[in-house]
Structures are given as structure tokens and as C-alpha cells.
Amino acid sequence: MEITTDQLPEWICPSCGSRTRDHPAISRTDNKTKVCSRCGVLEAFKNYVEATARQEDQPVNGIKSE
């Protein structure tokens, strides 16, 4: 038996306040709070951008690009 999203209970995302029936994502901020899929994706992108920015400030093989 396949479960569809309309069969899941409605809940409110604590991050953005939207009502959803989607399967929740786990927040990257504390690794336990359930957030909506959209907020989960936004947190992942933010995490990626921050990590990329940190890497660009680090030298590659001891040589910092200019």
C-alpha cells in the first residue's frame, strides 16, 4: 500500500511557518528539528555557499590565488 502526501497529517514548519503535508527534512542547525522540504533545501544551499566561501579563502597546495 502506497501512502500519498494527502494521507499524511498537516504540520507547521517551525522555520518558515508554512503548513505542509510533505515528509519533513531534518534541520542542519541542530540535526533534530523537522523542517519543510523548502527550508531543508535552503539550509543545504546556505551551508554549501558558506563552505565554498571558506575554501576560497584557503590556500591550495600552499599557494593562495590572487
C-alpha atoms as a PDB file:
ATOM      1  CA  MET A   1       0.000   0.000   0.000  1.00  0.00           C
ATOM      2  CA  GLU A   2       1.443   3.329  -1.062  1.00  0.00           C
ATOM      3  CA  ILE A   3       0.978   6.364   1.193  1.00  0.00           C
ATOM      4  CA  THR A   4       0.333   9.668  -0.543  1.00  0.00           C
ATOM      5  CA  THR A   5       1.029  13.111   0.926  1.00  0.00           C
ATOM      6  CA  ASP A   6      -2.698  13.856   1.314  1.00  0.00           C
ATOM      7  CA  GLN A   7      -2.839  10.952   3.788  1.00  0.00           C
ATOM      8  CA  LEU A   8      -0.111  12.459   5.991  1.00  0.00           C
ATOM      9  CA  PRO A   9      -1.021  14.781   8.850  1.00  0.00           C
ATOM     10  CA  GLU A  10      -0.653  18.508   8.265  1.00  0.00           C
ATOM     11  CA  TRP A  11       2.080  20.194  10.282  1.00  0.00           C
ATOM     12  CA  ILE A  12       3.656  23.657  10.504  1.00  0.00           C
ATOM     13  CA  CYS A  13       7.311  24.202   9.682  1.00  0.00           C
ATOM     14  CA  PRO A  14       8.963  25.891  12.689  1.00  0.00           C
ATOM     15  CA  SER A  15      11.419  27.675  10.401  1.00  0.00           C
ATOM     16  CA  CYS A  16       9.089  29.415   7.933  1.00  0.00           C
ATOM     17  CA  GLY A  17       5.645  28.845   9.441  1.00  0.00           C
ATOM     18  CA  SER A  18       4.148  27.232   6.345  1.00  0.00           C
ATOM     19  CA  ARG A  19       1.569  24.449   6.578  1.00  0.00           C
ATOM     20  CA  THR A  20       2.553  21.270   4.788  1.00  0.00           C
ATOM     21  CA  ARG A  21       1.842  17.565   4.490  1.00  0.00           C
ATOM     22  CA  ASP A  22       5.232  16.780   2.950  1.00  0.00           C
ATOM     23  CA  HIS A  23       7.706  14.437   4.547  1.00  0.00           C
ATOM     24  CA  PRO A  24       9.934  16.639   6.747  1.00  0.00           C
ATOM     25  CA  ALA A  25      13.651  17.283   6.378  1.00  0.00           C
ATOM     26  CA  ILE A  26      15.950  17.430   9.388  1.00  0.00           C
ATOM     27  CA  SER A  27      17.318  20.893  10.079  1.00  0.00           C
ATOM     28  CA  ARG A  28      21.076  21.313   9.768  1.00  0.00           C
ATOM     29  CA  THR A  29      21.105  23.792  12.650  1.00  0.00           C
ATOM     30  CA  ASP A  30      20.534  21.184  15.367  1.00  0.00           C
ATOM     31  CA  ASN A  31      20.187  17.879  13.459  1.00  0.00           C
ATOM     32  CA  LYS A  32      16.851  17.089  15.117  1.00  0.00           C
ATOM     33  CA  THR A  33      14.226  19.734  14.275  1.00  0.00           C
ATOM     34  CA  LYS A  34      11.872  18.739  11.473  1.00  0.00           C
ATOM     35  CA  VAL A  35      11.516  21.446   8.807  1.00  0.00           C
ATOM     36  CA  CYS A  36       9.692  21.561   5.469  1.00  0.00           C
ATOM     37  CA  SER A  37      11.453  20.429   2.312  1.00  0.00           C
ATOM     38  CA  ARG A  38      11.887  24.008   1.087  1.00  0.00           C
ATOM     39  CA  CYS A  39      13.629  25.086   4.306  1.00  0.00           C
ATOM     40  CA  GLY A  40      15.764  21.944   4.223  1.00  0.00           C
ATOM     41  CA  VAL A  41      16.949  22.784   0.715  1.00  0.00           C
ATOM     42  CA  LEU A  42      17.593  26.436   1.653  1.00  0.00           C
ATOM     43  CA  GLU A  43      19.672  25.344   4.657  1.00  0.00           C
ATOM     44  CA  ALA A  44      21.672  22.976   2.451  1.00  0.00           C
ATOM     45  CA  PHE A  45      22.394  25.713  -0.119  1.00  0.00           C
ATOM     46  CA  LYS A  46      23.369  28.160   2.622  1.00  0.00           C
ATOM     47  CA  ASN A  47      25.690  25.534   4.096  1.00  0.00           C
ATOM     48  CA  TYR A  48      27.248  24.902   0.681  1.00  0.00           C
ATOM     49  CA  VAL A  49      27.779  28.602  -0.058  1.00  0.00           C
ATOM     50  CA  GLU A  50      29.399  29.179   3.335  1.00  0.00           C
ATOM     51  CA  ALA A  51      31.691  26.166   2.920  1.00  0.00           C
ATOM     52  CA  THR A  52      32.672  27.271  -0.593  1.00  0.00           C
ATOM     53  CA  ALA A  53      33.448  30.787   0.630  1.00  0.00           C
ATOM     54  CA  ARG A  54      35.684  29.385   3.386  1.00  0.00           C
ATOM     55  CA  GLN A  55      37.513  27.181   0.864  1.00  0.00           C
ATOM     56  CA  GLU A  56      38.189  30.127  -1.439  1.00  0.00           C
ATOM     57  CA  ASP A  57      39.994  31.868   1.435  1.00  0.00           C
ATOM     58  CA  GLN A  58      42.258  28.862   1.959  1.00  0.00           C
ATOM     59  CA  PRO A  59      45.489  28.334   0.006  1.00  0.00           C
ATOM     60  CA  VAL A  60      45.546  25.449  -2.463  1.00  0.00           C
ATOM     61  CA  ASN A  61      48.717  23.367  -2.081  1.00  0.00           C
ATOM     62  CA  GLY A  62      50.202  26.180  -0.024  1.00  0.00           C
ATOM     63  CA  ILE A  63      49.649  28.792  -2.783  1.00  0.00           C
ATOM     64  CA  LYS A  64      46.907  31.349  -2.281  1.00  0.00           C
ATOM     65  CA  SER A  65      45.298  32.551  -5.503  1.00  0.00           C
ATOM     66  CA  GLU A  66      45.198  36.294  -6.113  1.00  0.00           C
END
